Amino acid sequence: MAHTQAAAHTATLTALRPRLRAVDPDEVAGLGRVADFLPPGATLLPAPQHALPTLPGRPPMVGYLVLLPADQQPPAAPTVVEQGPVAIDSVQRIAHVDGRALDLTYLEFELLAHLVAHPHRVHTRDQLVTTVWGYGHVGDGRTVDVHVARLRRKLGAEHRRTIQTVRRVGYKYAP
């Protein structure tokens, strides 16, 4: 059952962020055998260390490249992810809360989509800057705080508490 949930979770992540993503070594260990989740014929290669971001005082990140045969298309992933009152449509890039479309900027959408894709998981500000803003972003955790405040305002009074602050750590989405 855990492998089925992990496979569904991995498919959801792939649909929302179809690009190379660096992860912490403990996140890879939580997936079990990564090769079990690959489509038939795919090859898993370690990403070159120079292509991965480094965070001061943190262990190096681990990255993988998945190569698919040219004639093989990746499996179709769901385009709409629903967690609680929030639904994210990654194809149309629209977020809905209780059926009401939200007017979000590019980064607000990316941040909300990332949080919704990982419900109940605590993300540090540094992790969010790295995964949402990208590796080359120069900024601090305050940028994340400002975007979370805007997202909460746009979610409305009834749902603003779905994005929770974890003091001295970061944020999590709790539907």
N, C-alpha and C. Protein backbone atom coordinates (compact mmCIF):
# COMPACT_ATOMS: atom_id res chain seq x y z
N MET A 1 0.83 -1.20 0.00
CA MET A 1 0.00 0.00 0.00
C MET A 1 0.87 1.25 0.00
N ALA A 2 1.96 1.23 0.79
CA ALA A 2 2.84 2.40 0.85
C ALA A 2 3.48 2.67 -0.50
N HIS A 3 3.84 1.58 -1.24
CA HIS A 3 4.43 1.77 -2.56
C HIS A 3 3.42 2.39 -3.52
N THR A 4 2.15 1.99 -3.42
CA THR A 4 1.10 2.55 -4.29
C THR A 4 0.92 4.03 -4.03
N GLN A 5 0.90 4.41 -2.75
CA GLN A 5 0.76 5.83 -2.40
C GLN A 5 1.98 6.61 -2.86
N ALA A 6 3.17 6.02 -2.68
CA ALA A 6 4.39 6.71 -3.10
C ALA A 6 4.42 6.87 -4.61
N ALA A 7 3.95 5.85 -5.35
CA ALA A 7 3.92 5.95 -6.81
C ALA A 7 2.94 7.03 -7.26
N ALA A 8 1.77 7.10 -6.62
CA ALA A 8 0.80 8.14 -6.96
C ALA A 8 1.36 9.51 -6.63
N HIS A 9 2.03 9.61 -5.50
CA HIS A 9 2.62 10.88 -5.07
C HIS A 9 3.70 11.30 -6.07
N THR A 10 4.53 10.34 -6.51
CA THR A 10 5.59 10.64 -7.47
C THR A 10 4.99 11.09 -8.80
N ALA A 11 3.90 10.44 -9.24
CA ALA A 11 3.25 10.83 -10.50
C ALA A 11 2.69 12.24 -10.39
N THR A 12 2.13 12.58 -9.25
CA THR A 12 1.60 13.92 -9.04
C THR A 12 2.71 14.96 -9.11
N LEU A 13 3.84 14.66 -8.47
CA LEU A 13 4.97 15.59 -8.48
C LEU A 13 5.48 15.79 -9.90
N THR A 14 5.56 14.70 -10.65
CA THR A 14 6.04 14.80 -12.02
C THR A 14 5.13 15.68 -12.85
N ALA A 15 3.82 15.56 -12.63
CA ALA A 15 2.87 16.36 -13.40
C ALA A 15 3.00 17.84 -13.07
N LEU A 16 3.25 18.15 -11.81
CA LEU A 16 3.31 19.55 -11.41
C LEU A 16 4.65 20.20 -11.73
N ARG A 17 5.74 19.45 -11.69
CA ARG A 17 7.06 20.02 -11.87
C ARG A 17 7.86 19.15 -12.84
N PRO A 18 7.58 19.21 -14.14
CA PRO A 18 8.26 18.34 -15.08
C PRO A 18 9.65 18.83 -15.44
N ARG A 19 10.53 18.92 -14.46
CA ARG A 19 11.90 19.33 -14.72
C ARG A 19 12.81 18.66 -13.69
N LEU A 20 14.11 18.78 -13.89
CA LEU A 20 15.06 18.23 -12.94
C LEU A 20 14.83 18.87 -11.59
N ARG A 21 14.74 18.06 -10.55
CA ARG A 21 14.50 18.58 -9.21
C ARG A 21 15.50 17.93 -8.27
N ALA A 22 16.22 18.73 -7.54
CA ALA A 22 17.17 18.22 -6.55
C ALA A 22 16.41 17.92 -5.27
N VAL A 23 16.81 16.86 -4.60
CA VAL A 23 16.15 16.48 -3.35
C VAL A 23 17.20 16.20 -2.30
N ASP A 24 16.79 16.31 -1.05
CA ASP A 24 17.67 15.96 0.05
C ASP A 24 17.85 14.45 0.08
N PRO A 25 19.01 13.96 0.54
CA PRO A 25 19.24 12.51 0.58
C PRO A 25 18.16 11.76 1.38
N ASP A 26 17.65 12.35 2.45
CA ASP A 26 16.63 11.66 3.25
C ASP A 26 15.30 11.55 2.49
N GLU A 27 15.04 12.45 1.56
CA GLU A 27 13.83 12.38 0.75
C GLU A 27 13.91 11.20 -0.22
N VAL A 28 15.10 10.94 -0.76
CA VAL A 28 15.28 9.80 -1.66
C VAL A 28 15.10 8.50 -0.88
N ALA A 29 15.64 8.44 0.34
CA ALA A 29 15.50 7.23 1.16
C ALA A 29 14.04 6.93 1.45
N GLY A 30 13.20 7.95 1.56
CA GLY A 30 11.79 7.76 1.85
C GLY A 30 11.03 7.16 0.68
N LEU A 31 11.57 7.23 -0.53
CA LEU A 31 10.89 6.66 -1.69
C LEU A 31 11.14 5.17 -1.86
N GLY A 32 12.05 4.61 -1.07
CA GLY A 32 12.37 3.20 -1.26
C GLY A 32 13.24 3.05 -2.49
N ARG A 33 13.03 2.02 -3.25
CA ARG A 33 13.79 1.83 -4.48
C ARG A 33 13.18 2.68 -5.59
N VAL A 34 13.90 3.70 -6.00
CA VAL A 34 13.43 4.62 -7.03
C VAL A 34 13.16 3.88 -8.33
N ALA A 35 13.96 2.89 -8.65
CA ALA A 35 13.81 2.15 -9.90
C ALA A 35 12.46 1.46 -10.00
N ASP A 36 11.83 1.13 -8.87
CA ASP A 36 10.52 0.48 -8.89
C ASP A 36 9.44 1.39 -9.46
N PHE A 37 9.67 2.70 -9.47
CA PHE A 37 8.67 3.65 -9.92
C PHE A 37 8.87 4.09 -11.37
N LEU A 38 9.92 3.58 -12.02
CA LEU A 38 10.22 3.99 -13.38
C LEU A 38 9.35 3.21 -14.38
N PRO A 39 8.97 3.85 -15.48
CA PRO A 39 8.24 3.12 -16.52
C PRO A 39 9.16 2.10 -17.19
N PRO A 40 8.60 1.08 -17.82
CA PRO A 40 9.44 0.06 -18.48
C PRO A 40 10.34 0.69 -19.54
N GLY A 41 11.59 0.25 -19.57
CA GLY A 41 12.54 0.74 -20.56
C GLY A 41 13.27 2.01 -20.14
N ALA A 42 12.90 2.60 -19.03
CA ALA A 42 13.54 3.84 -18.59
C ALA A 42 14.87 3.54 -17.92
N THR A 43 15.78 4.49 -17.99
CA THR A 43 17.09 4.38 -17.37
C THR A 43 17.25 5.51 -16.37
N LEU A 44 17.76 5.17 -15.21
CA LEU A 44 17.97 6.15 -14.15
C LEU A 44 19.46 6.45 -14.06
N LEU A 45 19.83 7.72 -14.20
CA LEU A 45 21.23 8.12 -14.12
C LEU A 45 21.40 9.17 -13.03
N PRO A 46 22.47 9.10 -12.26
CA PRO A 46 22.70 10.17 -11.28
C PRO A 46 23.03 11.48 -12.01
N ALA A 47 22.48 12.57 -11.52
CA ALA A 47 22.77 13.87 -12.11
C ALA A 47 24.16 14.32 -11.69
N PRO A 48 24.86 15.03 -12.56
CA PRO A 48 26.19 15.51 -12.19
C PRO A 48 26.10 16.46 -10.99
N GLN A 49 27.03 16.31 -10.06
CA GLN A 49 26.98 17.09 -8.82
C GLN A 49 27.05 18.59 -9.09
N HIS A 50 27.78 19.01 -10.13
CA HIS A 50 27.89 20.44 -10.44
C HIS A 50 26.57 21.03 -10.91
N ALA A 51 25.60 20.19 -11.32
CA ALA A 51 24.31 20.69 -11.80
C ALA A 51 23.30 20.87 -10.67
N LEU A 52 23.69 20.51 -9.46
CA LEU A 52 22.76 20.56 -8.33
C LEU A 52 23.10 21.74 -7.41
N PRO A 53 22.08 22.31 -6.79
CA PRO A 53 22.35 23.44 -5.89
C PRO A 53 22.98 22.95 -4.59
N THR A 54 23.67 23.85 -3.95
CA THR A 54 24.22 23.55 -2.62
C THR A 54 23.72 24.61 -1.67
N LEU A 55 23.37 24.18 -0.49
CA LEU A 55 22.93 25.11 0.55
C LEU A 55 23.98 25.11 1.65
N PRO A 56 24.39 26.28 2.12
CA PRO A 56 25.43 26.36 3.14
C PRO A 56 25.02 25.58 4.39
N GLY A 57 25.95 24.78 4.90
CA GLY A 57 25.71 24.04 6.13
C GLY A 57 24.81 22.82 5.96
N ARG A 58 24.47 22.46 4.73
CA ARG A 58 23.60 21.31 4.47
C ARG A 58 24.38 20.28 3.67
N PRO A 59 24.03 19.00 3.81
CA PRO A 59 24.71 17.99 2.98
C PRO A 59 24.37 18.20 1.51
N PRO A 60 25.23 17.71 0.61
CA PRO A 60 24.96 17.89 -0.82
C PRO A 60 23.65 17.21 -1.22
N MET A 61 22.99 17.79 -2.20
CA MET A 61 21.73 17.22 -2.67
C MET A 61 22.00 16.10 -3.67
N VAL A 62 20.98 15.29 -3.89
CA VAL A 62 21.07 14.16 -4.79
C VAL A 62 20.08 14.41 -5.92
N GLY A 63 20.49 14.14 -7.15
CA GLY A 63 19.59 14.33 -8.28
C GLY A 63 19.70 13.16 -9.24
N TYR A 64 18.62 12.89 -9.93
CA TYR A 64 18.59 11.81 -10.91
C TYR A 64 18.00 12.31 -12.22
N LEU A 65 18.48 11.75 -13.32
CA LEU A 65 17.91 11.99 -14.63
C LEU A 65 17.23 10.70 -15.06
N VAL A 66 16.02 10.81 -15.58
CA VAL A 66 15.30 9.64 -16.07
C VAL A 66 15.26 9.74 -17.59
N LEU A 67 15.84 8.75 -18.26
CA LEU A 67 15.86 8.71 -19.71
C LEU A 67 14.83 7.71 -20.20
N LEU A 68 13.96 8.15 -21.12
CA LEU A 68 12.94 7.29 -21.70
C LEU A 68 13.30 7.00 -23.15
N PRO A 69 12.99 5.81 -23.65
CA PRO A 69 13.20 5.55 -25.08
C PRO A 69 12.42 6.55 -25.93
N ALA A 70 12.94 6.88 -27.11
CA ALA A 70 12.35 7.91 -27.95
C ALA A 70 10.91 7.61 -28.33
N ASP A 71 10.56 6.34 -28.50
CA ASP A 71 9.21 6.00 -28.92
C ASP A 71 8.23 5.86 -27.75
N GLN A 72 8.70 6.06 -26.56
CA GLN A 72 7.85 5.88 -25.38
C GLN A 72 7.45 7.23 -24.79
N GLN A 73 6.19 7.42 -24.60
CA GLN A 73 5.68 8.64 -23.98
C GLN A 73 5.53 8.40 -22.48
N PRO A 74 5.80 9.41 -21.65
CA PRO A 74 5.58 9.22 -20.23
C PRO A 74 4.10 8.98 -19.95
N PRO A 75 3.79 8.25 -18.86
CA PRO A 75 2.39 7.99 -18.55
C PRO A 75 1.64 9.29 -18.29
N ALA A 76 0.40 9.32 -18.75
CA ALA A 76 -0.42 10.52 -18.54
C ALA A 76 -0.71 10.67 -17.05
N ALA A 77 -0.42 11.83 -16.55
CA ALA A 77 -0.66 12.12 -15.14
C ALA A 77 -1.89 13.00 -15.02
N PRO A 78 -2.54 12.96 -13.87
CA PRO A 78 -3.72 13.81 -13.71
C PRO A 78 -3.33 15.28 -13.80
N THR A 79 -4.17 16.06 -14.46
CA THR A 79 -3.86 17.48 -14.60
C THR A 79 -4.42 18.29 -13.44
N VAL A 80 -5.38 17.72 -12.72
CA VAL A 80 -5.97 18.44 -11.59
C VAL A 80 -5.65 17.68 -10.31
N VAL A 81 -5.06 18.38 -9.35
CA VAL A 81 -4.76 17.80 -8.04
C VAL A 81 -5.63 18.52 -7.03
N GLU A 82 -6.42 17.75 -6.28
CA GLU A 82 -7.29 18.32 -5.26
C GLU A 82 -6.84 17.85 -3.89
N GLN A 83 -6.64 18.78 -3.00
CA GLN A 83 -6.34 18.48 -1.61
C GLN A 83 -7.18 19.43 -0.76
N GLY A 84 -8.20 18.90 -0.13
CA GLY A 84 -9.08 19.74 0.66
C GLY A 84 -9.84 20.71 -0.22
N PRO A 85 -9.92 21.97 0.17
CA PRO A 85 -10.70 22.93 -0.59
C PRO A 85 -9.99 23.47 -1.84
N VAL A 86 -8.70 23.16 -1.99
CA VAL A 86 -7.90 23.73 -3.09
C VAL A 86 -7.72 22.69 -4.19
N ALA A 87 -7.95 23.12 -5.43
CA ALA A 87 -7.72 22.29 -6.61
C ALA A 87 -6.74 23.03 -7.52
N ILE A 88 -5.71 22.32 -7.98
CA ILE A 88 -4.69 22.89 -8.85
C ILE A 88 -4.78 22.23 -10.21
N ASP A 89 -5.01 23.01 -11.25
CA ASP A 89 -5.01 22.51 -12.62
C ASP A 89 -3.69 22.95 -13.25
N SER A 90 -2.75 21.99 -13.37
CA SER A 90 -1.41 22.32 -13.83
C SER A 90 -1.34 22.62 -15.33
N VAL A 91 -2.30 22.13 -16.11
CA VAL A 91 -2.30 22.39 -17.56
C VAL A 91 -2.79 23.81 -17.84
N GLN A 92 -3.92 24.18 -17.26
CA GLN A 92 -4.47 25.52 -17.46
C GLN A 92 -3.86 26.54 -16.51
N ARG A 93 -3.06 26.06 -15.54
CA ARG A 93 -2.41 26.91 -14.53
C ARG A 93 -3.44 27.76 -13.80
N ILE A 94 -4.47 27.08 -13.29
CA ILE A 94 -5.52 27.74 -12.52
C ILE A 94 -5.65 27.03 -11.19
N ALA A 95 -5.78 27.80 -10.14
CA ALA A 95 -6.05 27.25 -8.81
C ALA A 95 -7.46 27.66 -8.41
N HIS A 96 -8.21 26.72 -7.84
CA HIS A 96 -9.56 26.99 -7.37
C HIS A 96 -9.63 26.71 -5.87
N VAL A 97 -10.37 27.51 -5.17
CA VAL A 97 -10.68 27.22 -3.77
C VAL A 97 -12.20 27.20 -3.67
N ASP A 98 -12.73 26.05 -3.26
CA ASP A 98 -14.18 25.83 -3.21
C ASP A 98 -14.86 26.21 -4.52
N GLY A 99 -14.24 25.88 -5.65
CA GLY A 99 -14.82 26.15 -6.96
C GLY A 99 -14.60 27.56 -7.48
N ARG A 100 -14.02 28.43 -6.68
CA ARG A 100 -13.77 29.82 -7.09
C ARG A 100 -12.33 29.93 -7.58
N ALA A 101 -12.16 30.44 -8.81
CA ALA A 101 -10.82 30.61 -9.38
C ALA A 101 -10.07 31.72 -8.64
N LEU A 102 -8.79 31.47 -8.39
CA LEU A 102 -7.94 32.47 -7.74
C LEU A 102 -7.12 33.21 -8.78
N ASP A 103 -6.96 34.50 -8.59
CA ASP A 103 -6.12 35.32 -9.47
C ASP A 103 -4.72 35.35 -8.86
N LEU A 104 -3.84 34.47 -9.36
CA LEU A 104 -2.51 34.31 -8.79
C LEU A 104 -1.42 34.73 -9.77
N THR A 105 -0.34 35.27 -9.24
CA THR A 105 0.84 35.53 -10.06
C THR A 105 1.53 34.19 -10.35
N TYR A 106 2.53 34.23 -11.23
CA TYR A 106 3.26 33.02 -11.57
C TYR A 106 3.83 32.34 -10.32
N LEU A 107 4.55 33.09 -9.50
CA LEU A 107 5.20 32.52 -8.32
C LEU A 107 4.19 32.11 -7.25
N GLU A 108 3.10 32.85 -7.11
CA GLU A 108 2.07 32.44 -6.16
C GLU A 108 1.48 31.10 -6.57
N PHE A 109 1.23 30.92 -7.87
CA PHE A 109 0.69 29.65 -8.36
C PHE A 109 1.69 28.52 -8.09
N GLU A 110 2.96 28.74 -8.43
CA GLU A 110 3.99 27.72 -8.22
C GLU A 110 4.11 27.35 -6.74
N LEU A 111 4.08 28.33 -5.87
CA LEU A 111 4.18 28.08 -4.43
C LEU A 111 2.98 27.29 -3.93
N LEU A 112 1.78 27.70 -4.31
CA LEU A 112 0.58 26.99 -3.88
C LEU A 112 0.56 25.57 -4.45
N ALA A 113 0.91 25.40 -5.71
CA ALA A 113 0.93 24.08 -6.32
C ALA A 113 1.92 23.16 -5.61
N HIS A 114 3.07 23.70 -5.23
CA HIS A 114 4.07 22.90 -4.53
C HIS A 114 3.56 22.49 -3.15
N LEU A 115 2.98 23.42 -2.42
CA LEU A 115 2.46 23.10 -1.09
C LEU A 115 1.32 22.09 -1.16
N VAL A 116 0.42 22.27 -2.12
CA VAL A 116 -0.73 21.36 -2.25
C VAL A 116 -0.27 19.97 -2.67
N ALA A 117 0.78 19.88 -3.48
CA ALA A 117 1.29 18.58 -3.92
C ALA A 117 1.94 17.80 -2.77
N HIS A 118 2.30 18.49 -1.70
CA HIS A 118 2.95 17.86 -0.55
C HIS A 118 2.20 18.21 0.74
N PRO A 119 0.95 17.77 0.87
CA PRO A 119 0.18 18.16 2.06
C PRO A 119 0.81 17.60 3.34
N HIS A 120 0.70 18.37 4.39
CA HIS A 120 1.16 18.01 5.75
C HIS A 120 2.68 17.91 5.87
N ARG A 121 3.42 18.23 4.82
CA ARG A 121 4.87 18.19 4.88
C ARG A 121 5.38 19.59 5.18
N VAL A 122 6.28 19.70 6.13
CA VAL A 122 6.84 21.00 6.49
C VAL A 122 7.99 21.31 5.55
N HIS A 123 7.95 22.50 4.95
CA HIS A 123 8.99 22.96 4.03
C HIS A 123 9.70 24.14 4.69
N THR A 124 11.03 24.09 4.71
CA THR A 124 11.76 25.24 5.21
C THR A 124 11.70 26.34 4.16
N ARG A 125 11.99 27.54 4.57
CA ARG A 125 12.01 28.66 3.64
C ARG A 125 13.07 28.43 2.55
N ASP A 126 14.23 27.90 2.95
CA ASP A 126 15.29 27.62 1.98
C ASP A 126 14.85 26.59 0.95
N GLN A 127 14.15 25.55 1.40
CA GLN A 127 13.65 24.54 0.46
C GLN A 127 12.68 25.16 -0.53
N LEU A 128 11.79 26.01 -0.05
CA LEU A 128 10.82 26.65 -0.93
C LEU A 128 11.50 27.58 -1.93
N VAL A 129 12.48 28.34 -1.47
CA VAL A 129 13.21 29.23 -2.38
C VAL A 129 13.89 28.40 -3.47
N THR A 130 14.51 27.29 -3.09
CA THR A 130 15.23 26.45 -4.05
C THR A 130 14.28 25.80 -5.05
N THR A 131 13.16 25.24 -4.57
CA THR A 131 12.28 24.49 -5.47
C THR A 131 11.32 25.38 -6.26
N VAL A 132 10.82 26.45 -5.67
CA VAL A 132 9.83 27.30 -6.35
C VAL A 132 10.50 28.42 -7.13
N TRP A 133 11.43 29.12 -6.53
CA TRP A 133 12.07 30.25 -7.20
C TRP A 133 13.17 29.80 -8.13
N GLY A 134 13.80 28.68 -7.83
CA GLY A 134 14.86 28.16 -8.69
C GLY A 134 16.22 28.30 -8.04
N TYR A 135 17.18 27.64 -8.66
CA TYR A 135 18.51 27.55 -8.09
C TYR A 135 19.25 28.87 -8.09
N GLY A 136 19.02 29.70 -9.09
CA GLY A 136 19.78 30.94 -9.21
C GLY A 136 19.19 32.11 -8.46
N HIS A 137 18.10 31.90 -7.72
CA HIS A 137 17.44 33.02 -7.05
C HIS A 137 18.30 33.56 -5.92
N VAL A 138 18.44 34.86 -5.90
CA VAL A 138 19.14 35.52 -4.81
C VAL A 138 18.09 36.20 -3.96
N GLY A 139 17.96 35.77 -2.75
CA GLY A 139 16.95 36.33 -1.87
C GLY A 139 17.02 35.63 -0.53
N ASP A 140 16.05 35.92 0.31
CA ASP A 140 16.04 35.31 1.63
C ASP A 140 14.65 34.74 1.92
N GLY A 141 14.50 34.19 3.11
CA GLY A 141 13.24 33.60 3.51
C GLY A 141 12.11 34.60 3.61
N ARG A 142 12.43 35.87 3.72
CA ARG A 142 11.40 36.90 3.81
C ARG A 142 10.55 36.95 2.53
N THR A 143 11.18 36.65 1.40
CA THR A 143 10.45 36.58 0.13
C THR A 143 9.32 35.56 0.23
N VAL A 144 9.62 34.40 0.82
CA VAL A 144 8.62 33.35 0.99
C VAL A 144 7.50 33.86 1.90
N ASP A 145 7.86 34.52 2.99
CA ASP A 145 6.87 35.04 3.93
C ASP A 145 5.89 35.99 3.25
N VAL A 146 6.40 36.85 2.40
CA VAL A 146 5.54 37.82 1.70
C VAL A 146 4.59 37.08 0.75
N HIS A 147 5.09 36.10 0.00
CA HIS A 147 4.23 35.36 -0.92
C HIS A 147 3.19 34.52 -0.19
N VAL A 148 3.56 33.94 0.94
CA VAL A 148 2.59 33.17 1.74
C VAL A 148 1.50 34.10 2.25
N ALA A 149 1.86 35.29 2.70
CA ALA A 149 0.86 36.24 3.18
C ALA A 149 -0.12 36.61 2.06
N ARG A 150 0.40 36.81 0.85
CA ARG A 150 -0.48 37.13 -0.29
C ARG A 150 -1.39 35.94 -0.63
N LEU A 151 -0.83 34.73 -0.59
CA LEU A 151 -1.64 33.55 -0.86
C LEU A 151 -2.76 33.40 0.16
N ARG A 152 -2.44 33.60 1.42
CA ARG A 152 -3.47 33.49 2.47
C ARG A 152 -4.59 34.50 2.23
N ARG A 153 -4.21 35.71 1.86
CA ARG A 153 -5.22 36.75 1.58
C ARG A 153 -6.12 36.33 0.42
N LYS A 154 -5.52 35.74 -0.61
CA LYS A 154 -6.30 35.34 -1.78
C LYS A 154 -7.13 34.09 -1.52
N LEU A 155 -6.71 33.24 -0.59
CA LEU A 155 -7.51 32.07 -0.23
C LEU A 155 -8.77 32.47 0.53
N GLY A 156 -8.72 33.62 1.18
CA GLY A 156 -9.89 34.11 1.91
C GLY A 156 -9.86 33.71 3.37
N ALA A 157 -10.68 34.37 4.16
CA ALA A 157 -10.70 34.17 5.61
C ALA A 157 -11.01 32.73 5.99
N GLU A 158 -11.88 32.08 5.21
CA GLU A 158 -12.30 30.73 5.55
C GLU A 158 -11.18 29.69 5.35
N HIS A 159 -10.28 29.91 4.40
CA HIS A 159 -9.27 28.90 4.06
C HIS A 159 -7.84 29.36 4.29
N ARG A 160 -7.64 30.53 4.83
CA ARG A 160 -6.28 31.03 5.01
C ARG A 160 -5.45 30.16 5.94
N ARG A 161 -6.12 29.44 6.84
CA ARG A 161 -5.39 28.60 7.80
C ARG A 161 -4.92 27.28 7.20
N THR A 162 -5.25 27.01 5.93
CA THR A 162 -4.75 25.79 5.30
C THR A 162 -3.25 25.85 5.06
N ILE A 163 -2.71 27.06 4.95
CA ILE A 163 -1.25 27.23 4.89
C ILE A 163 -0.81 27.62 6.30
N GLN A 164 -0.17 26.69 6.96
CA GLN A 164 0.19 26.89 8.37
C GLN A 164 1.66 27.23 8.51
N THR A 165 1.94 28.12 9.47
CA THR A 165 3.31 28.48 9.80
C THR A 165 3.83 27.50 10.84
N VAL A 166 5.00 26.96 10.62
CA VAL A 166 5.68 26.13 11.61
C VAL A 166 6.82 27.00 12.13
N ARG A 167 6.64 27.49 13.34
CA ARG A 167 7.58 28.49 13.90
C ARG A 167 9.03 28.06 13.80
N ARG A 168 9.85 29.01 13.37
CA ARG A 168 11.29 28.85 13.25
C ARG A 168 11.70 27.78 12.23
N VAL A 169 10.74 27.31 11.40
CA VAL A 169 11.06 26.30 10.39
C VAL A 169 10.60 26.76 9.02
N GLY A 170 9.27 26.85 8.83
CA GLY A 170 8.75 27.21 7.52
C GLY A 170 7.25 27.09 7.46
N TYR A 171 6.73 26.41 6.41
CA TYR A 171 5.29 26.35 6.18
C TYR A 171 4.87 24.95 5.76
N LYS A 172 3.58 24.67 5.95
CA LYS A 172 3.00 23.43 5.44
C LYS A 172 1.56 23.68 5.03
N TYR A 173 1.08 22.86 4.10
CA TYR A 173 -0.31 22.92 3.67
C TYR A 173 -1.05 21.81 4.40
N ALA A 174 -2.10 22.18 5.13
CA ALA A 174 -2.91 21.22 5.88
C ALA A 174 -4.37 21.41 5.52
N PRO A 175 -4.86 20.62 4.55
CA PRO A 175 -6.26 20.78 4.12
C PRO A 175 -7.25 20.42 5.21
